[in-house]
Amino acid sequence: MTVSLRGGFEQQDGCMLFRFTGQLDAYSDKQFLAFVGDHLTSTPQPLVIDLSRIDFIDSSGLGVLVQLAKLCNGQGLQFLVVGNARVVQTVKLVRLEEFLHLQPDLDTALGSLAA
């Protein structure tokens, strides 16, 4: 991870939960993707990306989210993104909220996994 982006990972409620703090941008997108990729297991599980503590996201950050969503879709895995107001605004600006399965909060995201 970079100075501008910090991440954490945990198994929770039958999913892989990734939490990030800082900035998801052109300076951190490759590290973001590598961090998530390093934790993917051979056992397919839904991915939840918690960006509720992200201060800034740009088009590069959106690009890596789209890559992950495509990877999950190709493997038949559920993929959910939790965002704060800033993330939600950016995602909605480019009309990716449905593709990224944008969730208002972590509880809602985890609750929708069982559905």
PDB file of N, CA and C in Angstrom:
ATOM      1  N   MET A   1       0.830  -1.171   0.000  1.00  0.00           N
ATOM      2  CA  MET A   1       0.000   0.000   0.000  1.00  0.00           C
ATOM      3  C   MET A   1       0.889   1.253   0.000  1.00  0.00           C
ATOM      4  N   THR A   2       0.338   2.330  -0.406  1.00  0.00           N
ATOM      5  CA  THR A   2       1.090   3.583  -0.464  1.00  0.00           C
ATOM      6  C   THR A   2       0.789   4.413   0.777  1.00  0.00           C
ATOM      7  N   VAL A   3       1.496   5.505   0.895  1.00  0.00           N
ATOM      8  CA  VAL A   3       1.230   6.426   2.003  1.00  0.00           C
ATOM      9  C   VAL A   3      -0.187   6.978   1.895  1.00  0.00           C
ATOM     10  N   SER A   4      -0.666   7.162   0.678  1.00  0.00           N
ATOM     11  CA  SER A   4      -1.985   7.774   0.477  1.00  0.00           C
ATOM     12  C   SER A   4      -3.142   6.790   0.610  1.00  0.00           C
ATOM     13  N   LEU A   5      -2.844   5.477   0.650  1.00  0.00           N
ATOM     14  CA  LEU A   5      -3.908   4.476   0.748  1.00  0.00           C
ATOM     15  C   LEU A   5      -3.479   3.379   1.710  1.00  0.00           C
ATOM     16  N   ARG A   6      -4.348   3.085   2.671  1.00  0.00           N
ATOM     17  CA  ARG A   6      -4.095   2.002   3.598  1.00  0.00           C
ATOM     18  C   ARG A   6      -5.264   1.035   3.505  1.00  0.00           C
ATOM     19  N   GLY A   7      -4.956  -0.255   3.612  1.00  0.00           N
ATOM     20  CA  GLY A   7      -6.008  -1.241   3.485  1.00  0.00           C
ATOM     21  C   GLY A   7      -5.933  -2.328   4.523  1.00  0.00           C
ATOM     22  N   GLY A   8      -7.068  -2.963   4.731  1.00  0.00           N
ATOM     23  CA  GLY A   8      -7.156  -4.093   5.632  1.00  0.00           C
ATOM     24  C   GLY A   8      -8.048  -5.153   5.017  1.00  0.00           C
ATOM     25  N   PHE A   9      -7.882  -6.381   5.523  1.00  0.00           N
ATOM     26  CA  PHE A   9      -8.636  -7.506   4.983  1.00  0.00           C
ATOM     27  C   PHE A   9      -9.081  -8.398   6.131  1.00  0.00           C
ATOM     28  N   GLU A  10     -10.307  -8.915   6.015  1.00  0.00           N
ATOM     29  CA  GLU A  10     -10.768  -9.920   6.968  1.00  0.00           C
ATOM     30  C   GLU A  10     -11.852 -10.772   6.331  1.00  0.00           C
ATOM     31  N   GLN A  11     -11.947 -11.998   6.795  1.00  0.00           N
ATOM     32  CA  GLN A  11     -13.048 -12.875   6.410  1.00  0.00           C
ATOM     33  C   GLN A  11     -14.201 -12.525   7.337  1.00  0.00           C
ATOM     34  N   GLN A  12     -15.380 -12.271   6.786  1.00  0.00           N
ATOM     35  CA  GLN A  12     -16.518 -11.920   7.633  1.00  0.00           C
ATOM     36  C   GLN A  12     -17.813 -12.356   6.972  1.00  0.00           C
ATOM     37  N   ASP A  13     -18.647 -13.018   7.716  1.00  0.00           N
ATOM     38  CA  ASP A  13     -19.973 -13.424   7.245  1.00  0.00           C
ATOM     39  C   ASP A  13     -19.925 -14.113   5.880  1.00  0.00           C
ATOM     40  N   GLY A  14     -18.962 -14.997   5.688  1.00  0.00           N
ATOM     41  CA  GLY A  14     -18.873 -15.742   4.438  1.00  0.00           C
ATOM     42  C   GLY A  14     -18.428 -14.921   3.246  1.00  0.00           C
ATOM     43  N   CYS A  15     -17.751 -13.804   3.498  1.00  0.00           N
ATOM     44  CA  CYS A  15     -17.265 -12.984   2.394  1.00  0.00           C
ATOM     45  C   CYS A  15     -15.846 -12.503   2.699  1.00  0.00           C
ATOM     46  N   MET A  16     -15.213 -11.954   1.686  1.00  0.00           N
ATOM     47  CA  MET A  16     -13.912 -11.316   1.848  1.00  0.00           C
ATOM     48  C   MET A  16     -14.180  -9.822   1.952  1.00  0.00           C
ATOM     49  N   LEU A  17     -13.856  -9.242   3.097  1.00  0.00           N
ATOM     50  CA  LEU A  17     -14.126  -7.835   3.357  1.00  0.00           C
ATOM     51  C   LEU A  17     -12.817  -7.054   3.314  1.00  0.00           C
ATOM     52  N   PHE A  18     -12.767  -6.094   2.419  1.00  0.00           N
ATOM     53  CA  PHE A  18     -11.604  -5.214   2.282  1.00  0.00           C
ATOM     54  C   PHE A  18     -12.014  -3.815   2.708  1.00  0.00           C
ATOM     55  N   ARG A  19     -11.225  -3.209   3.603  1.00  0.00           N
ATOM     56  CA  ARG A  19     -11.499  -1.840   4.056  1.00  0.00           C
ATOM     57  C   ARG A  19     -10.316  -0.960   3.672  1.00  0.00           C
ATOM     58  N   PHE A  20     -10.630   0.208   3.146  1.00  0.00           N
ATOM     59  CA  PHE A  20      -9.569   1.120   2.710  1.00  0.00           C
ATOM     60  C   PHE A  20      -9.777   2.511   3.278  1.00  0.00           C
ATOM     61  N   THR A  21      -8.659   3.176   3.543  1.00  0.00           N
ATOM     62  CA  THR A  21      -8.642   4.542   4.052  1.00  0.00           C
ATOM     63  C   THR A  21      -7.668   5.344   3.208  1.00  0.00           C
ATOM     64  N   GLY A  22      -8.015   6.578   2.899  1.00  0.00           N
ATOM     65  CA  GLY A  22      -7.102   7.453   2.166  1.00  0.00           C
ATOM     66  C   GLY A  22      -7.619   7.802   0.790  1.00  0.00           C
ATOM     67  N   GLN A  23      -6.722   7.687  -0.200  1.00  0.00           N
ATOM     68  CA  GLN A  23      -7.049   8.095  -1.559  1.00  0.00           C
ATOM     69  C   GLN A  23      -6.881   6.924  -2.522  1.00  0.00           C
ATOM     70  N   LEU A  24      -7.908   6.683  -3.321  1.00  0.00           N
ATOM     71  CA  LEU A  24      -7.848   5.656  -4.363  1.00  0.00           C
ATOM     72  C   LEU A  24      -7.753   6.393  -5.689  1.00  0.00           C
ATOM     73  N   ASP A  25      -6.522   6.520  -6.180  1.00  0.00           N
ATOM     74  CA  ASP A  25      -6.283   7.343  -7.361  1.00  0.00           C
ATOM     75  C   ASP A  25      -5.175   6.738  -8.214  1.00  0.00           C
ATOM     76  N   ALA A  26      -4.684   7.504  -9.168  1.00  0.00           N
ATOM     77  CA  ALA A  26      -3.661   7.024 -10.101  1.00  0.00           C
ATOM     78  C   ALA A  26      -2.372   6.628  -9.393  1.00  0.00           C
ATOM     79  N   TYR A  27      -2.130   7.156  -8.201  1.00  0.00           N
ATOM     80  CA  TYR A  27      -0.914   6.826  -7.459  1.00  0.00           C
ATOM     81  C   TYR A  27      -1.047   5.555  -6.642  1.00  0.00           C
ATOM     82  N   SER A  28      -2.286   5.108  -6.411  1.00  0.00           N
ATOM     83  CA  SER A  28      -2.482   3.948  -5.543  1.00  0.00           C
ATOM     84  C   SER A  28      -3.266   2.812  -6.189  1.00  0.00           C
ATOM     85  N   ASP A  29      -3.742   2.992  -7.425  1.00  0.00           N
ATOM     86  CA  ASP A  29      -4.617   1.979  -8.027  1.00  0.00           C
ATOM     87  C   ASP A  29      -3.942   0.626  -8.198  1.00  0.00           C
ATOM     88  N   LYS A  30      -2.671   0.616  -8.593  1.00  0.00           N
ATOM     89  CA  LYS A  30      -1.969  -0.659  -8.794  1.00  0.00           C
ATOM     90  C   LYS A  30      -1.761  -1.390  -7.474  1.00  0.00           C
ATOM     91  N   GLN A  31      -1.437  -0.648  -6.425  1.00  0.00           N
ATOM     92  CA  GLN A  31      -1.262  -1.256  -5.112  1.00  0.00           C
ATOM     93  C   GLN A  31      -2.594  -1.789  -4.579  1.00  0.00           C
ATOM     94  N   PHE A  32      -3.672  -1.054  -4.831  1.00  0.00           N
ATOM     95  CA  PHE A  32      -5.012  -1.483  -4.439  1.00  0.00           C
ATOM     96  C   PHE A  32      -5.327  -2.829  -5.079  1.00  0.00           C
ATOM     97  N   LEU A  33      -5.139  -2.925  -6.381  1.00  0.00           N
ATOM     98  CA  LEU A  33      -5.440  -4.145  -7.112  1.00  0.00           C
ATOM     99  C   LEU A  33      -4.553  -5.300  -6.644  1.00  0.00           C
ATOM    100  N   ALA A  34      -3.271  -5.021  -6.418  1.00  0.00           N
ATOM    101  CA  ALA A  34      -2.342  -6.054  -5.942  1.00  0.00           C
ATOM    102  C   ALA A  34      -2.739  -6.538  -4.548  1.00  0.00           C
ATOM    103  N   PHE A  35      -3.131  -5.614  -3.663  1.00  0.00           N
ATOM    104  CA  PHE A  35      -3.527  -5.966  -2.308  1.00  0.00           C
ATOM    105  C   PHE A  35      -4.739  -6.889  -2.323  1.00  0.00           C
ATOM    106  N   VAL A  36      -5.745  -6.532  -3.097  1.00  0.00           N
ATOM    107  CA  VAL A  36      -6.945  -7.373  -3.191  1.00  0.00           C
ATOM    108  C   VAL A  36      -6.578  -8.711  -3.826  1.00  0.00           C
ATOM    109  N   GLY A  37      -5.801  -8.672  -4.897  1.00  0.00           N
ATOM    110  CA  GLY A  37      -5.401  -9.903  -5.584  1.00  0.00           C
ATOM    111  C   GLY A  37      -4.624 -10.859  -4.701  1.00  0.00           C
ATOM    112  N   ASP A  38      -3.774 -10.319  -3.836  1.00  0.00           N
ATOM    113  CA  ASP A  38      -2.982 -11.152  -2.926  1.00  0.00           C
ATOM    114  C   ASP A  38      -3.850 -11.902  -1.923  1.00  0.00           C
ATOM    115  N   HIS A  39      -5.031 -11.390  -1.640  1.00  0.00           N
ATOM    116  CA  HIS A  39      -5.893 -12.010  -0.645  1.00  0.00           C
ATOM    117  C   HIS A  39      -6.995 -12.877  -1.234  1.00  0.00           C
ATOM    118  N   LEU A  40      -7.121 -12.880  -2.554  1.00  0.00           N
ATOM    119  CA  LEU A  40      -8.137 -13.736  -3.168  1.00  0.00           C
ATOM    120  C   LEU A  40      -7.737 -15.189  -2.959  1.00  0.00           C
ATOM    121  N   THR A  41      -8.690 -15.986  -2.588  1.00  0.00           N
ATOM    122  CA  THR A  41      -8.409 -17.388  -2.300  1.00  0.00           C
ATOM    123  C   THR A  41      -8.929 -18.270  -3.424  1.00  0.00           C
ATOM    124  N   SER A  42      -8.527 -19.517  -3.373  1.00  0.00           N
ATOM    125  CA  SER A  42      -9.019 -20.451  -4.384  1.00  0.00           C
ATOM    126  C   SER A  42     -10.482 -20.802  -4.121  1.00  0.00           C
ATOM    127  N   THR A  43     -10.946 -20.555  -2.901  1.00  0.00           N
ATOM    128  CA  THR A  43     -12.345 -20.770  -2.563  1.00  0.00           C
ATOM    129  C   THR A  43     -13.130 -19.511  -2.918  1.00  0.00           C
ATOM    130  N   PRO A  44     -13.992 -19.592  -3.906  1.00  0.00           N
ATOM    131  CA  PRO A  44     -14.737 -18.398  -4.320  1.00  0.00           C
ATOM    132  C   PRO A  44     -15.656 -17.888  -3.208  1.00  0.00           C
ATOM    133  N   GLN A  45     -15.531 -16.612  -2.909  1.00  0.00           N
ATOM    134  CA  GLN A  45     -16.377 -15.963  -1.915  1.00  0.00           C
ATOM    135  C   GLN A  45     -16.731 -14.569  -2.418  1.00  0.00           C
ATOM    136  N   PRO A  46     -17.892 -14.059  -1.990  1.00  0.00           N
ATOM    137  CA  PRO A  46     -18.246 -12.690  -2.371  1.00  0.00           C
ATOM    138  C   PRO A  46     -17.206 -11.694  -1.873  1.00  0.00           C
ATOM    139  N   LEU A  47     -17.034 -10.599  -2.616  1.00  0.00           N
ATOM    140  CA  LEU A  47     -16.119  -9.524  -2.233  1.00  0.00           C
ATOM    141  C   LEU A  47     -16.927  -8.304  -1.820  1.00  0.00           C
ATOM    142  N   VAL A  48     -16.562  -7.729  -0.680  1.00  0.00           N
ATOM    143  CA  VAL A  48     -17.137  -6.466  -0.234  1.00  0.00           C
ATOM    144  C   VAL A  48     -15.977  -5.497  -0.089  1.00  0.00           C
ATOM    145  N   ILE A  49     -16.046  -4.399  -0.819  1.00  0.00           N
ATOM    146  CA  ILE A  49     -15.009  -3.369  -0.767  1.00  0.00           C
ATOM    147  C   ILE A  49     -15.586  -2.169  -0.016  1.00  0.00           C
ATOM    148  N   ASP A  50     -15.057  -1.923   1.189  1.00  0.00           N
ATOM    149  CA  ASP A  50     -15.548  -0.821   2.016  1.00  0.00           C
ATOM    150  C   ASP A  50     -14.693   0.419   1.774  1.00  0.00           C
ATOM    151  N   LEU A  51     -15.278   1.387   1.089  1.00  0.00           N
ATOM    152  CA  LEU A  51     -14.595   2.642   0.781  1.00  0.00           C
ATOM    153  C   LEU A  51     -15.190   3.798   1.588  1.00  0.00           C
ATOM    154  N   SER A  52     -15.832   3.487   2.698  1.00  0.00           N
ATOM    155  CA  SER A  52     -16.497   4.534   3.473  1.00  0.00           C
ATOM    156  C   SER A  52     -15.509   5.502   4.121  1.00  0.00           C
ATOM    157  N   ARG A  53     -14.231   5.125   4.184  1.00  0.00           N
ATOM    158  CA  ARG A  53     -13.233   6.038   4.747  1.00  0.00           C
ATOM    159  C   ARG A  53     -12.274   6.584   3.677  1.00  0.00           C
ATOM    160  N   ILE A  54     -12.698   6.524   2.433  1.00  0.00           N
ATOM    161  CA  ILE A  54     -11.882   7.065   1.345  1.00  0.00           C
ATOM    162  C   ILE A  54     -12.115   8.570   1.246  1.00  0.00           C
ATOM    163  N   ASP A  55     -11.023   9.322   1.182  1.00  0.00           N
ATOM    164  CA  ASP A  55     -11.108  10.782   1.081  1.00  0.00           C
ATOM    165  C   ASP A  55     -11.272  11.257  -0.356  1.00  0.00           C
ATOM    166  N   PHE A  56     -10.737  10.451  -1.299  1.00  0.00           N
ATOM    167  CA  PHE A  56     -10.714  10.887  -2.697  1.00  0.00           C
ATOM    168  C   PHE A  56     -10.654   9.663  -3.594  1.00  0.00           C
ATOM    169  N   ILE A  57     -11.418   9.686  -4.670  1.00  0.00           N
ATOM    170  CA  ILE A  57     -11.354   8.634  -5.689  1.00  0.00           C
ATOM    171  C   ILE A  57     -11.410   9.317  -7.047  1.00  0.00           C
ATOM    172  N   ASP A  58     -10.553   8.868  -7.969  1.00  0.00           N
ATOM    173  CA  ASP A  58     -10.560   9.450  -9.312  1.00  0.00           C
ATOM    174  C   ASP A  58     -10.865   8.361 -10.339  1.00  0.00           C
ATOM    175  N   SER A  59     -10.709   8.687 -11.612  1.00  0.00           N
ATOM    176  CA  SER A  59     -11.057   7.740 -12.671  1.00  0.00           C
ATOM    177  C   SER A  59     -10.201   6.482 -12.620  1.00  0.00           C
ATOM    178  N   SER A  60      -8.962   6.592 -12.167  1.00  0.00           N
ATOM    179  CA  SER A  60      -8.111   5.402 -12.035  1.00  0.00           C
ATOM    180  C   SER A  60      -8.660   4.480 -10.946  1.00  0.00           C
ATOM    181  N   GLY A  61      -9.106   5.080  -9.859  1.00  0.00           N
ATOM    182  CA  GLY A  61      -9.723   4.303  -8.788  1.00  0.00           C
ATOM    183  C   GLY A  61     -10.991   3.609  -9.256  1.00  0.00           C
ATOM    184  N   LEU A  62     -11.807   4.328 -10.011  1.00  0.00           N
ATOM    185  CA  LEU A  62     -13.013   3.718 -10.576  1.00  0.00           C
ATOM    186  C   LEU A  62     -12.643   2.579 -11.524  1.00  0.00           C
ATOM    187  N   GLY A  63     -11.564   2.775 -12.268  1.00  0.00           N
ATOM    188  CA  GLY A  63     -11.120   1.750 -13.216  1.00  0.00           C
ATOM    189  C   GLY A  63     -10.772   0.431 -12.541  1.00  0.00           C
ATOM    190  N   VAL A  64     -10.086   0.482 -11.395  1.00  0.00           N
ATOM    191  CA  VAL A  64      -9.737  -0.770 -10.713  1.00  0.00           C
ATOM    192  C   VAL A  64     -10.968  -1.413 -10.092  1.00  0.00           C
ATOM    193  N   LEU A  65     -11.933  -0.609  -9.671  1.00  0.00           N
ATOM    194  CA  LEU A  65     -13.180  -1.179  -9.168  1.00  0.00           C
ATOM    195  C   LEU A  65     -13.929  -1.902 -10.289  1.00  0.00           C
ATOM    196  N   VAL A  66     -13.942  -1.306 -11.472  1.00  0.00           N
ATOM    197  CA  VAL A  66     -14.586  -1.943 -12.626  1.00  0.00           C
ATOM    198  C   VAL A  66     -13.866  -3.249 -12.969  1.00  0.00           C
ATOM    199  N   GLN A  67     -12.533  -3.250 -12.928  1.00  0.00           N
ATOM    200  CA  GLN A  67     -11.774  -4.483 -13.185  1.00  0.00           C
ATOM    201  C   GLN A  67     -12.164  -5.584 -12.208  1.00  0.00           C
ATOM    202  N   LEU A  68     -12.246  -5.243 -10.928  1.00  0.00           N
ATOM    203  CA  LEU A  68     -12.630  -6.234  -9.917  1.00  0.00           C
ATOM    204  C   LEU A  68     -14.059  -6.724 -10.136  1.00  0.00           C
ATOM    205  N   ALA A  69     -14.955  -5.804 -10.457  1.00  0.00           N
ATOM    206  CA  ALA A  69     -16.347  -6.187 -10.701  1.00  0.00           C
ATOM    207  C   ALA A  69     -16.441  -7.150 -11.881  1.00  0.00           C
ATOM    208  N   LYS A  70     -15.693  -6.878 -12.940  1.00  0.00           N
ATOM    209  CA  LYS A  70     -15.690  -7.766 -14.110  1.00  0.00           C
ATOM    210  C   LYS A  70     -15.129  -9.137 -13.748  1.00  0.00           C
ATOM    211  N   LEU A  71     -14.067  -9.162 -12.958  1.00  0.00           N
ATOM    212  CA  LEU A  71     -13.470 -10.423 -12.518  1.00  0.00           C
ATOM    213  C   LEU A  71     -14.483 -11.238 -11.720  1.00  0.00           C
ATOM    214  N   CYS A  72     -15.162 -10.597 -10.799  1.00  0.00           N
ATOM    215  CA  CYS A  72     -16.166 -11.282  -9.983  1.00  0.00           C
ATOM    216  C   CYS A  72     -17.350 -11.747 -10.829  1.00  0.00           C
ATOM    217  N   ASN A  73     -17.820 -10.885 -11.728  1.00  0.00           N
ATOM    218  CA  ASN A  73     -18.927 -11.268 -12.611  1.00  0.00           C
ATOM    219  C   ASN A  73     -18.559 -12.488 -13.432  1.00  0.00           C
ATOM    220  N   GLY A  74     -17.318 -12.519 -13.923  1.00  0.00           N
ATOM    221  CA  GLY A  74     -16.851 -13.655 -14.724  1.00  0.00           C
ATOM    222  C   GLY A  74     -16.786 -14.946 -13.936  1.00  0.00           C
ATOM    223  N   GLN A  75     -16.606 -14.841 -12.637  1.00  0.00           N
ATOM    224  CA  GLN A  75     -16.522 -16.026 -11.777  1.00  0.00           C
ATOM    225  C   GLN A  75     -17.836 -16.306 -11.048  1.00  0.00           C
ATOM    226  N   GLY A  76     -18.848 -15.504 -11.350  1.00  0.00           N
ATOM    227  CA  GLY A  76     -20.144 -15.687 -10.710  1.00  0.00           C
ATOM    228  C   GLY A  76     -20.148 -15.320  -9.231  1.00  0.00           C
ATOM    229  N   LEU A  77     -19.289 -14.394  -8.837  1.00  0.00           N
ATOM    230  CA  LEU A  77     -19.191 -13.974  -7.440  1.00  0.00           C
ATOM    231  C   LEU A  77     -19.911 -12.652  -7.224  1.00  0.00           C
ATOM    232  N   GLN A  78     -20.504 -12.506  -6.058  1.00  0.00           N
ATOM    233  CA  GLN A  78     -21.113 -11.238  -5.701  1.00  0.00           C
ATOM    234  C   GLN A  78     -20.014 -10.222  -5.414  1.00  0.00           C
ATOM    235  N   PHE A  79     -20.210  -8.987  -5.862  1.00  0.00           N
ATOM    236  CA  PHE A  79     -19.249  -7.906  -5.663  1.00  0.00           C
ATOM    237  C   PHE A  79     -20.018  -6.677  -5.217  1.00  0.00           C
ATOM    238  N   LEU A  80     -19.656  -6.143  -4.055  1.00  0.00           N
ATOM    239  CA  LEU A  80     -20.353  -4.985  -3.508  1.00  0.00           C
ATOM    240  C   LEU A  80     -19.357  -3.922  -3.091  1.00  0.00           C
ATOM    241  N   VAL A  81     -19.718  -2.671  -3.302  1.00  0.00           N
ATOM    242  CA  VAL A  81     -18.886  -1.542  -2.892  1.00  0.00           C
ATOM    243  C   VAL A  81     -19.691  -0.689  -1.916  1.00  0.00           C
ATOM    244  N   VAL A  82     -19.080  -0.396  -0.771  1.00  0.00           N
ATOM    245  CA  VAL A  82     -19.676   0.501   0.213  1.00  0.00           C
ATOM    246  C   VAL A  82     -18.970   1.838   0.073  1.00  0.00           C
ATOM    247  N   GLY A  83     -19.745   2.902  -0.061  1.00  0.00           N
ATOM    248  CA  GLY A  83     -19.123   4.206  -0.253  1.00  0.00           C
ATOM    249  C   GLY A  83     -19.656   5.262   0.690  1.00  0.00           C
ATOM    250  N   ASN A  84     -18.868   6.299   0.881  1.00  0.00           N
ATOM    251  CA  ASN A  84     -19.320   7.482   1.614  1.00  0.00           C
ATOM    252  C   ASN A  84     -19.892   8.470   0.594  1.00  0.00           C
ATOM    253  N   ALA A  85     -20.287   9.648   1.042  1.00  0.00           N
ATOM    254  CA  ALA A  85     -20.916  10.626   0.141  1.00  0.00           C
ATOM    255  C   ALA A  85     -20.019  10.978  -1.035  1.00  0.00           C
ATOM    256  N   ARG A  86     -18.735  11.132  -0.789  1.00  0.00           N
ATOM    257  CA  ARG A  86     -17.785  11.506  -1.849  1.00  0.00           C
ATOM    258  C   ARG A  86     -17.663  10.389  -2.896  1.00  0.00           C
ATOM    259  N   VAL A  87     -17.528   9.157  -2.414  1.00  0.00           N
ATOM    260  CA  VAL A  87     -17.412   8.008  -3.326  1.00  0.00           C
ATOM    261  C   VAL A  87     -18.706   7.834  -4.114  1.00  0.00           C
ATOM    262  N   VAL A  88     -19.832   7.910  -3.423  1.00  0.00           N
ATOM    263  CA  VAL A  88     -21.138   7.747  -4.077  1.00  0.00           C
ATOM    264  C   VAL A  88     -21.322   8.792  -5.172  1.00  0.00           C
ATOM    265  N   GLN A  89     -20.981  10.029  -4.881  1.00  0.00           N
ATOM    266  CA  GLN A  89     -21.126  11.100  -5.869  1.00  0.00           C
ATOM    267  C   GLN A  89     -20.288  10.811  -7.115  1.00  0.00           C
ATOM    268  N   THR A  90     -19.050  10.368  -6.912  1.00  0.00           N
ATOM    269  CA  THR A  90     -18.163  10.086  -8.040  1.00  0.00           C
ATOM    270  C   THR A  90     -18.665   8.900  -8.855  1.00  0.00           C
ATOM    271  N   VAL A  91     -19.102   7.845  -8.179  1.00  0.00           N
ATOM    272  CA  VAL A  91     -19.604   6.646  -8.868  1.00  0.00           C
ATOM    273  C   VAL A  91     -20.877   6.975  -9.650  1.00  0.00           C
ATOM    274  N   LYS A  92     -21.774   7.747  -9.036  1.00  0.00           N
ATOM    275  CA  LYS A  92     -23.024   8.098  -9.718  1.00  0.00           C
ATOM    276  C   LYS A  92     -22.783   9.037 -10.897  1.00  0.00           C
ATOM    277  N   LEU A  93     -21.762   9.857 -10.801  1.00  0.00           N
ATOM    278  CA  LEU A  93     -21.430  10.785 -11.880  1.00  0.00           C
ATOM    279  C   LEU A  93     -21.163  10.031 -13.181  1.00  0.00           C
ATOM    280  N   VAL A  94     -20.539   8.860 -13.074  1.00  0.00           N
ATOM    281  CA  VAL A  94     -20.225   8.065 -14.263  1.00  0.00           C
ATOM    282  C   VAL A  94     -21.193   6.882 -14.431  1.00  0.00           C
ATOM    283  N   ARG A  95     -22.274   6.919 -13.642  1.00  0.00           N
ATOM    284  CA  ARG A  95     -23.364   5.941 -13.752  1.00  0.00           C
ATOM    285  C   ARG A  95     -22.912   4.489 -13.602  1.00  0.00           C
ATOM    286  N   LEU A  96     -22.078   4.249 -12.594  1.00  0.00           N
ATOM    287  CA  LEU A  96     -21.595   2.894 -12.336  1.00  0.00           C
ATOM    288  C   LEU A  96     -22.195   2.293 -11.069  1.00  0.00           C
ATOM    289  N   GLU A  97     -23.171   2.973 -10.456  1.00  0.00           N
ATOM    290  CA  GLU A  97     -23.682   2.503  -9.171  1.00  0.00           C
ATOM    291  C   GLU A  97     -24.298   1.109  -9.240  1.00  0.00           C
ATOM    292  N   GLU A  98     -24.986   0.793 -10.324  1.00  0.00           N
ATOM    293  CA  GLU A  98     -25.574  -0.544 -10.450  1.00  0.00           C
ATOM    294  C   GLU A  98     -24.512  -1.579 -10.791  1.00  0.00           C
ATOM    295  N   PHE A  99     -23.606  -1.248 -11.680  1.00  0.00           N
ATOM    296  CA  PHE A  99     -22.553  -2.186 -12.074  1.00  0.00           C
ATOM    297  C   PHE A  99     -21.662  -2.550 -10.888  1.00  0.00           C
ATOM    298  N   LEU A 100     -21.368  -1.559 -10.027  1.00  0.00           N
ATOM    299  CA  LEU A 100     -20.509  -1.806  -8.866  1.00  0.00           C
ATOM    300  C   LEU A 100     -21.312  -2.243  -7.638  1.00  0.00           C
ATOM    301  N   HIS A 101     -22.634  -2.353  -7.787  1.00  0.00           N
ATOM    302  CA  HIS A 101     -23.509  -2.753  -6.679  1.00  0.00           C
ATOM    303  C   HIS A 101     -23.227  -1.898  -5.448  1.00  0.00           C
ATOM    304  N   LEU A 102     -23.308  -0.596  -5.640  1.00  0.00           N
ATOM    305  CA  LEU A 102     -23.014   0.384  -4.603  1.00  0.00           C
ATOM    306  C   LEU A 102     -23.993   0.249  -3.438  1.00  0.00           C
ATOM    307  N   GLN A 103     -23.450   0.188  -2.227  1.00  0.00           N
ATOM    308  CA  GLN A 103     -24.247   0.034  -1.010  1.00  0.00           C
ATOM    309  C   GLN A 103     -24.075   1.264  -0.116  1.00  0.00           C
ATOM    310  N   PRO A 104     -25.126   1.651   0.629  1.00  0.00           N
ATOM    311  CA  PRO A 104     -25.043   2.852   1.457  1.00  0.00           C
ATOM    312  C   PRO A 104     -24.188   2.677   2.718  1.00  0.00           C
ATOM    313  N   ASP A 105     -24.105   1.432   3.229  1.00  0.00           N
ATOM    314  CA  ASP A 105     -23.299   1.192   4.426  1.00  0.00           C
ATOM    315  C   ASP A 105     -22.935  -0.288   4.504  1.00  0.00           C
ATOM    316  N   LEU A 106     -22.023  -0.606   5.404  1.00  0.00           N
ATOM    317  CA  LEU A 106     -21.500  -1.968   5.511  1.00  0.00           C
ATOM    318  C   LEU A 106     -22.572  -2.953   5.966  1.00  0.00           C
ATOM    319  N   ASP A 107     -23.416  -2.563   6.899  1.00  0.00           N
ATOM    320  CA  ASP A 107     -24.472  -3.464   7.369  1.00  0.00           C
ATOM    321  C   ASP A 107     -25.413  -3.859   6.241  1.00  0.00           C
ATOM    322  N   THR A 108     -25.770  -2.890   5.403  1.00  0.00           N
ATOM    323  CA  THR A 108     -26.647  -3.177   4.271  1.00  0.00           C
ATOM    324  C   THR A 108     -25.955  -4.123   3.301  1.00  0.00           C
ATOM    325  N   ALA A 109     -24.666  -3.885   3.041  1.00  0.00           N
ATOM    326  CA  ALA A 109     -23.906  -4.746   2.132  1.00  0.00           C
ATOM    327  C   ALA A 109     -23.849  -6.179   2.660  1.00  0.00           C
ATOM    328  N   LEU A 110     -23.486  -6.335   3.922  1.00  0.00           N
ATOM    329  CA  LEU A 110     -23.382  -7.680   4.501  1.00  0.00           C
ATOM    330  C   LEU A 110     -24.747  -8.348   4.559  1.00  0.00           C
ATOM    331  N   GLY A 111     -25.794  -7.584   4.822  1.00  0.00           N
ATOM    332  CA  GLY A 111     -27.149  -8.139   4.848  1.00  0.00           C
ATOM    333  C   GLY A 111     -27.619  -8.594   3.484  1.00  0.00           C
ATOM    334  N   SER A 112     -27.170  -7.936   2.442  1.00  0.00           N
ATOM    335  CA  SER A 112     -27.616  -8.319   1.095  1.00  0.00           C
ATOM    336  C   SER A 112     -26.894  -9.551   0.585  1.00  0.00           C
ATOM    337  N   LEU A 113     -25.829  -9.976   1.240  1.00  0.00           N
ATOM    338  CA  LEU A 113     -25.110 -11.177   0.812  1.00  0.00           C
ATOM    339  C   LEU A 113     -25.956 -12.419   1.026  1.00  0.00           C
ATOM    340  N   ALA A 114     -26.734 -12.426   2.060  1.00  0.00           N
ATOM    341  CA  ALA A 114     -27.579 -13.593   2.358  1.00  0.00           C
ATOM    342  C   ALA A 114     -28.769 -13.663   1.421  1.00  0.00           C
ATOM    343  N   ALA A 115     -29.119 -12.518   0.825  1.00  0.00           N
ATOM    344  CA  ALA A 115     -30.308 -12.458  -0.039  1.00  0.00           C
ATOM    345  C   ALA A 115     -30.071 -13.158  -1.358  1.00  0.00           C
TER     346      ALA A 115
END
